[in-house]
Structure formats: structure tokens, C-alpha cells
């Protein structure tokens, strides 16, 4: 079950890696494909996860989430 996050503040490859590592640390996230050029993360989930959990995970790394689909 894929999910897409849109955010601002991720401007470099090392920012991608930070967000990818944080999201993939969640047990419900199998993979996070993060793009600093698109400002997105496409998630492959193995279970339901609340949008609030995903948002907090990214915002705890000082990036602003604009939306989750």
C-alpha cells in the first residue's frame, strides 16, 4: 500500500537520507523513496500508519510536511 508525502525544506541529498532513514525506522514502512527535487517521499507500507505519525517523524527532523496522500 503506497503513500506519498509532500514537504518543504529537503534541499540536498543528505536531507533525503535523513528523512529516508527516519521513515524507514517506522515498523510500518518497508521503503521510503525520497526526492529533494520533487519534495516528496513515496512510501511502501506493510501496515496502516496514522498520518500524524508520519508527519511527526518528518517534522522531528525539522522538515515541514505539506500533505500526505
PDB file of N, CA and C in Angstrom:
ATOM      1  N   UNK A   1       0.834  -1.185   0.000  1.00  0.00           N
ATOM      2  CA  UNK A   1       0.000   0.000   0.000  1.00  0.00           C
ATOM      3  C   UNK A   1       0.880   1.250   0.000  1.00  0.00           C
ATOM      4  N   UNK A   2       0.923   1.953  -1.112  1.00  0.00           N
ATOM      5  CA  UNK A   2       1.780   3.145  -1.197  1.00  0.00           C
ATOM      6  C   UNK A   2       1.125   4.376  -0.583  1.00  0.00           C
ATOM      7  N   UNK A   3       1.952   5.279  -0.158  1.00  0.00           N
ATOM      8  CA  UNK A   3       1.520   6.558   0.385  1.00  0.00           C
ATOM      9  C   UNK A   3       2.545   7.590  -0.071  1.00  0.00           C
ATOM     10  N   UNK A   4       2.084   8.798  -0.375  1.00  0.00           N
ATOM     11  CA  UNK A   4       3.001   9.852  -0.817  1.00  0.00           C
ATOM     12  C   UNK A   4       2.920  11.037   0.132  1.00  0.00           C
ATOM     13  N   UNK A   5       4.095  11.512   0.551  1.00  0.00           N
ATOM     14  CA  UNK A   5       4.185  12.696   1.403  1.00  0.00           C
ATOM     15  C   UNK A   5       4.766  13.836   0.580  1.00  0.00           C
ATOM     16  N   UNK A   6       4.283  15.037   0.835  1.00  0.00           N
ATOM     17  CA  UNK A   6       4.811  16.244   0.187  1.00  0.00           C
ATOM     18  C   UNK A   6       5.321  17.147   1.307  1.00  0.00           C
ATOM     19  N   UNK A   7       6.521  17.712   1.117  1.00  0.00           N
ATOM     20  CA  UNK A   7       7.097  18.552   2.161  1.00  0.00           C
ATOM     21  C   UNK A   7       8.024  19.606   1.586  1.00  0.00           C
ATOM     22  N   UNK A   8       8.439  20.513   2.469  1.00  0.00           N
ATOM     23  CA  UNK A   8       9.405  21.544   2.103  1.00  0.00           C
ATOM     24  C   UNK A   8      10.580  21.466   3.059  1.00  0.00           C
ATOM     25  N   UNK A   9      11.717  21.956   2.587  1.00  0.00           N
ATOM     26  CA  UNK A   9      12.910  22.017   3.426  1.00  0.00           C
ATOM     27  C   UNK A   9      13.959  20.978   3.083  1.00  0.00           C
ATOM     28  N   UNK A  10      13.598  19.998   2.276  1.00  0.00           N
ATOM     29  CA  UNK A  10      14.560  18.976   1.878  1.00  0.00           C
ATOM     30  C   UNK A  10      15.204  19.445   0.580  1.00  0.00           C
ATOM     31  N   UNK A  11      16.449  19.927   0.693  1.00  0.00           N
ATOM     32  CA  UNK A  11      17.080  20.587  -0.441  1.00  0.00           C
ATOM     33  C   UNK A  11      18.325  19.877  -0.962  1.00  0.00           C
ATOM     34  N   UNK A  12      18.824  18.903  -0.234  1.00  0.00           N
ATOM     35  CA  UNK A  12      20.071  18.254  -0.607  1.00  0.00           C
ATOM     36  C   UNK A  12      19.952  16.740  -0.434  1.00  0.00           C
ATOM     37  N   UNK A  13      20.895  16.009  -1.017  1.00  0.00           N
ATOM     38  CA  UNK A  13      20.890  14.550  -0.925  1.00  0.00           C
ATOM     39  C   UNK A  13      20.994  14.090   0.519  1.00  0.00           C
ATOM     40  N   UNK A  14      21.800  14.777   1.339  1.00  0.00           N
ATOM     41  CA  UNK A  14      21.915  14.335   2.738  1.00  0.00           C
ATOM     42  C   UNK A  14      20.596  14.522   3.482  1.00  0.00           C
ATOM     43  N   UNK A  15      19.780  15.507   3.071  1.00  0.00           N
ATOM     44  CA  UNK A  15      18.443  15.674   3.659  1.00  0.00           C
ATOM     45  C   UNK A  15      17.556  14.490   3.286  1.00  0.00           C
ATOM     46  N   UNK A  16      17.656  14.050   2.034  1.00  0.00           N
ATOM     47  CA  UNK A  16      16.910  12.864   1.588  1.00  0.00           C
ATOM     48  C   UNK A  16      17.247  11.678   2.482  1.00  0.00           C
ATOM     49  N   UNK A  17      18.527  11.481   2.727  1.00  0.00           N
ATOM     50  CA  UNK A  17      18.980  10.335   3.520  1.00  0.00           C
ATOM     51  C   UNK A  17      18.448  10.405   4.952  1.00  0.00           C
ATOM     52  N   UNK A  18      18.412  11.606   5.525  1.00  0.00           N
ATOM     53  CA  UNK A  18      17.909  11.793   6.886  1.00  0.00           C
ATOM     54  C   UNK A  18      16.440  11.408   6.983  1.00  0.00           C
ATOM     55  N   UNK A  19      15.648  11.892   6.030  1.00  0.00           N
ATOM     56  CA  UNK A  19      14.214  11.606   6.037  1.00  0.00           C
ATOM     57  C   UNK A  19      13.961  10.135   5.732  1.00  0.00           C
ATOM     58  N   UNK A  20      14.684   9.581   4.772  1.00  0.00           N
ATOM     59  CA  UNK A  20      14.547   8.161   4.418  1.00  0.00           C
ATOM     60  C   UNK A  20      14.819   7.286   5.637  1.00  0.00           C
ATOM     61  N   UNK A  21      15.904   7.543   6.330  1.00  0.00           N
ATOM     62  CA  UNK A  21      16.283   6.744   7.498  1.00  0.00           C
ATOM     63  C   UNK A  21      15.221   6.848   8.597  1.00  0.00           C
ATOM     64  N   UNK A  22      14.711   8.051   8.837  1.00  0.00           N
ATOM     65  CA  UNK A  22      13.700   8.252   9.878  1.00  0.00           C
ATOM     66  C   UNK A  22      12.410   7.515   9.542  1.00  0.00           C
ATOM     67  N   UNK A  23      11.953   7.642   8.292  1.00  0.00           N
ATOM     68  CA  UNK A  23      10.712   6.982   7.892  1.00  0.00           C
ATOM     69  C   UNK A  23      10.861   5.465   7.888  1.00  0.00           C
ATOM     70  N   UNK A  24      11.991   4.964   7.397  1.00  0.00           N
ATOM     71  CA  UNK A  24      12.195   3.515   7.340  1.00  0.00           C
ATOM     72  C   UNK A  24      12.423   2.902   8.718  1.00  0.00           C
ATOM     73  N   UNK A  25      12.647   3.727   9.732  1.00  0.00           N
ATOM     74  CA  UNK A  25      12.764   3.225  11.101  1.00  0.00           C
ATOM     75  C   UNK A  25      11.391   2.857  11.670  1.00  0.00           C
ATOM     76  N   UNK A  26      10.323   3.373  11.055  1.00  0.00           N
ATOM     77  CA  UNK A  26       8.978   3.012  11.491  1.00  0.00           C
ATOM     78  C   UNK A  26       8.688   1.572  11.044  1.00  0.00           C
ATOM     79  N   UNK A  27       8.133   0.748  11.915  1.00  0.00           N
ATOM     80  CA  UNK A  27       7.907  -0.652  11.554  1.00  0.00           C
ATOM     81  C   UNK A  27       6.920  -0.840  10.389  1.00  0.00           C
ATOM     82  N   UNK A  28       6.058   0.131  10.153  1.00  0.00           N
ATOM     83  CA  UNK A  28       5.062   0.009   9.081  1.00  0.00           C
ATOM     84  C   UNK A  28       5.616   0.397   7.712  1.00  0.00           C
ATOM     85  N   UNK A  29       6.811   0.979   7.669  1.00  0.00           N
ATOM     86  CA  UNK A  29       7.390   1.456   6.411  1.00  0.00           C
ATOM     87  C   UNK A  29       8.459   0.477   5.933  1.00  0.00           C
ATOM     88  N   UNK A  30       8.192  -0.154   4.781  1.00  0.00           N
ATOM     89  CA  UNK A  30       9.178  -1.052   4.178  1.00  0.00           C
ATOM     90  C   UNK A  30      10.230  -0.265   3.411  1.00  0.00           C
ATOM     91  N   UNK A  31       9.781   0.788   2.707  1.00  0.00           N
ATOM     92  CA  UNK A  31      10.707   1.579   1.892  1.00  0.00           C
ATOM     93  C   UNK A  31      10.191   3.003   1.774  1.00  0.00           C
ATOM     94  N   UNK A  32      11.130   3.947   1.771  1.00  0.00           N
ATOM     95  CA  UNK A  32      10.814   5.358   1.537  1.00  0.00           C
ATOM     96  C   UNK A  32      11.730   5.859   0.425  1.00  0.00           C
ATOM     97  N   UNK A  33      11.134   6.286  -0.678  1.00  0.00           N
ATOM     98  CA  UNK A  33      11.891   6.858  -1.794  1.00  0.00           C
ATOM     99  C   UNK A  33      11.700   8.363  -1.716  1.00  0.00           C
ATOM    100  N   UNK A  34      12.747   9.061  -1.277  1.00  0.00           N
ATOM    101  CA  UNK A  34      12.673  10.496  -1.006  1.00  0.00           C
ATOM    102  C   UNK A  34      13.355  11.255  -2.129  1.00  0.00           C
ATOM    103  N   UNK A  35      12.713  12.321  -2.592  1.00  0.00           N
ATOM    104  CA  UNK A  35      13.280  13.160  -3.656  1.00  0.00           C
ATOM    105  C   UNK A  35      13.328  14.609  -3.197  1.00  0.00           C
ATOM    106  N   UNK A  36      14.550  15.149  -3.098  1.00  0.00           N
ATOM    107  CA  UNK A  36      14.660  16.560  -2.715  1.00  0.00           C
ATOM    108  C   UNK A  36      14.236  17.465  -3.860  1.00  0.00           C
ATOM    109  N   UNK A  37      14.361  17.009  -5.100  1.00  0.00           N
ATOM    110  CA  UNK A  37      13.969  17.843  -6.237  1.00  0.00           C
ATOM    111  C   UNK A  37      12.452  17.930  -6.372  1.00  0.00           C
ATOM    112  N   UNK A  38      11.753  16.849  -6.021  1.00  0.00           N
ATOM    113  CA  UNK A  38      10.288  16.830  -6.094  1.00  0.00           C
ATOM    114  C   UNK A  38       9.637  17.263  -4.779  1.00  0.00           C
ATOM    115  N   UNK A  39      10.395  17.184  -3.684  1.00  0.00           N
ATOM    116  CA  UNK A  39       9.818  17.497  -2.370  1.00  0.00           C
ATOM    117  C   UNK A  39       8.822  16.447  -1.930  1.00  0.00           C
ATOM    118  N   UNK A  40       9.122  15.179  -2.261  1.00  0.00           N
ATOM    119  CA  UNK A  40       8.205  14.093  -1.935  1.00  0.00           C
ATOM    120  C   UNK A  40       8.929  12.898  -1.334  1.00  0.00           C
ATOM    121  N   UNK A  41       8.135  12.073  -0.687  1.00  0.00           N
ATOM    122  CA  UNK A  41       8.575  10.744  -0.266  1.00  0.00           C
ATOM    123  C   UNK A  41       7.459   9.788  -0.645  1.00  0.00           C
ATOM    124  N   UNK A  42       7.784   8.769  -1.412  1.00  0.00           N
ATOM    125  CA  UNK A  42       6.826   7.719  -1.761  1.00  0.00           C
ATOM    126  C   UNK A  42       7.135   6.536  -0.855  1.00  0.00           C
ATOM    127  N   UNK A  43       6.143   6.164  -0.056  1.00  0.00           N
ATOM    128  CA  UNK A  43       6.338   5.135   0.951  1.00  0.00           C
ATOM    129  C   UNK A  43       5.684   3.831   0.529  1.00  0.00           C
ATOM    130  N   UNK A  44       6.366   2.728   0.780  1.00  0.00           N
ATOM    131  CA  UNK A  44       5.782   1.402   0.650  1.00  0.00           C
ATOM    132  C   UNK A  44       5.523   0.924   2.070  1.00  0.00           C
ATOM    133  N   UNK A  45       4.239   0.746   2.382  1.00  0.00           N
ATOM    134  CA  UNK A  45       3.833   0.385   3.735  1.00  0.00           C
ATOM    135  C   UNK A  45       3.455  -1.087   3.804  1.00  0.00           C
ATOM    136  N   UNK A  46       3.718  -1.703   4.966  1.00  0.00           N
ATOM    137  CA  UNK A  46       3.314  -3.088   5.189  1.00  0.00           C
ATOM    138  C   UNK A  46       2.119  -3.172   6.127  1.00  0.00           C
ATOM    139  N   UNK A  47       1.720  -2.015   6.660  1.00  0.00           N
ATOM    140  CA  UNK A  47       0.576  -1.927   7.579  1.00  0.00           C
ATOM    141  C   UNK A  47       0.115  -0.472   7.621  1.00  0.00           C
ATOM    142  N   UNK A  48      -1.090  -0.271   8.114  1.00  0.00           N
ATOM    143  CA  UNK A  48      -1.616   1.081   8.276  1.00  0.00           C
ATOM    144  C   UNK A  48      -0.738   1.856   9.263  1.00  0.00           C
ATOM    145  N   UNK A  49      -0.570   3.137   8.981  1.00  0.00           N
ATOM    146  CA  UNK A  49       0.136   4.026   9.900  1.00  0.00           C
ATOM    147  C   UNK A  49      -0.568   5.378   9.836  1.00  0.00           C
ATOM    148  N   UNK A  50      -0.806   5.969  10.985  1.00  0.00           N
ATOM    149  CA  UNK A  50      -1.523   7.237  11.047  1.00  0.00           C
ATOM    150  C   UNK A  50      -0.701   8.347  10.386  1.00  0.00           C
ATOM    151  N   UNK A  51      -1.395   9.210   9.657  1.00  0.00           N
ATOM    152  CA  UNK A  51      -0.730  10.354   9.032  1.00  0.00           C
ATOM    153  C   UNK A  51       0.023  11.185  10.056  1.00  0.00           C
ATOM    154  N   UNK A  52      -0.533  11.294  11.260  1.00  0.00           N
ATOM    155  CA  UNK A  52       0.110  12.079  12.317  1.00  0.00           C
ATOM    156  C   UNK A  52       1.476  11.510  12.694  1.00  0.00           C
ATOM    157  N   UNK A  53       1.593  10.187  12.656  1.00  0.00           N
ATOM    158  CA  UNK A  53       2.870   9.531  12.975  1.00  0.00           C
ATOM    159  C   UNK A  53       3.895   9.850  11.891  1.00  0.00           C
ATOM    160  N   UNK A  54       3.472   9.741  10.620  1.00  0.00           N
ATOM    161  CA  UNK A  54       4.379  10.064   9.513  1.00  0.00           C
ATOM    162  C   UNK A  54       4.805  11.529   9.574  1.00  0.00           C
ATOM    163  N   UNK A  55       3.840  12.405   9.813  1.00  0.00           N
ATOM    164  CA  UNK A  55       4.139  13.834   9.877  1.00  0.00           C
ATOM    165  C   UNK A  55       5.106  14.139  11.004  1.00  0.00           C
ATOM    166  N   UNK A  56       4.860  13.594  12.188  1.00  0.00           N
ATOM    167  CA  UNK A  56       5.738  13.846  13.332  1.00  0.00           C
ATOM    168  C   UNK A  56       7.148  13.333  13.064  1.00  0.00           C
ATOM    169  N   UNK A  57       7.251  12.175  12.419  1.00  0.00           N
ATOM    170  CA  UNK A  57       8.557  11.592  12.112  1.00  0.00           C
ATOM    171  C   UNK A  57       9.388  12.537  11.254  1.00  0.00           C
ATOM    172  N   UNK A  58       8.771  13.131  10.228  1.00  0.00           N
ATOM    173  CA  UNK A  58       9.488  14.058   9.347  1.00  0.00           C
ATOM    174  C   UNK A  58       9.713  15.400  10.037  1.00  0.00           C
ATOM    175  N   UNK A  59       8.701  15.911  10.721  1.00  0.00           N
ATOM    176  CA  UNK A  59       8.839  17.223  11.355  1.00  0.00           C
ATOM    177  C   UNK A  59       9.798  17.199  12.534  1.00  0.00           C
ATOM    178  N   UNK A  60       9.994  16.035  13.156  1.00  0.00           N
ATOM    179  CA  UNK A  60      11.011  15.902  14.208  1.00  0.00           C
ATOM    180  C   UNK A  60      12.423  16.085  13.646  1.00  0.00           C
ATOM    181  N   UNK A  61      12.561  15.938  12.325  1.00  0.00           N
ATOM    182  CA  UNK A  61      13.849  16.157  11.659  1.00  0.00           C
ATOM    183  C   UNK A  61      13.931  17.568  11.072  1.00  0.00           C
ATOM    184  N   UNK A  62      12.989  18.440  11.455  1.00  0.00           N
ATOM    185  CA  UNK A  62      12.969  19.855  11.061  1.00  0.00           C
ATOM    186  C   UNK A  62      12.593  20.116   9.618  1.00  0.00           C
ATOM    187  N   UNK A  63      11.735  19.259   9.056  1.00  0.00           N
ATOM    188  CA  UNK A  63      11.175  19.492   7.722  1.00  0.00           C
ATOM    189  C   UNK A  63       9.677  19.628   7.856  1.00  0.00           C
ATOM    190  N   UNK A  64       9.071  20.456   7.043  1.00  0.00           N
ATOM    191  CA  UNK A  64       7.640  20.758   7.123  1.00  0.00           C
ATOM    192  C   UNK A  64       6.843  19.889   6.151  1.00  0.00           C
ATOM    193  N   UNK A  65       5.880  19.141   6.664  1.00  0.00           N
ATOM    194  CA  UNK A  65       5.016  18.312   5.834  1.00  0.00           C
ATOM    195  C   UNK A  65       3.848  19.152   5.335  1.00  0.00           C
ATOM    196  N   UNK A  66       3.629  19.126   4.022  1.00  0.00           N
ATOM    197  CA  UNK A  66       2.530  19.873   3.418  1.00  0.00           C
ATOM    198  C   UNK A  66       1.296  19.013   3.221  1.00  0.00           C
ATOM    199  N   UNK A  67       1.481  17.706   3.077  1.00  0.00           N
ATOM    200  CA  UNK A  67       0.344  16.825   2.883  1.00  0.00           C
ATOM    201  C   UNK A  67       0.766  15.384   2.733  1.00  0.00           C
ATOM    202  N   UNK A  68      -0.208  14.495   2.957  1.00  0.00           N
ATOM    203  CA  UNK A  68       0.022  13.056   2.816  1.00  0.00           C
ATOM    204  C   UNK A  68      -1.175  12.474   2.076  1.00  0.00           C
ATOM    205  N   UNK A  69      -0.871  11.684   1.029  1.00  0.00           N
ATOM    206  CA  UNK A  69      -1.937  11.025   0.269  1.00  0.00           C
ATOM    207  C   UNK A  69      -1.784   9.526   0.353  1.00  0.00           C
TER     208      UNK A  69
END
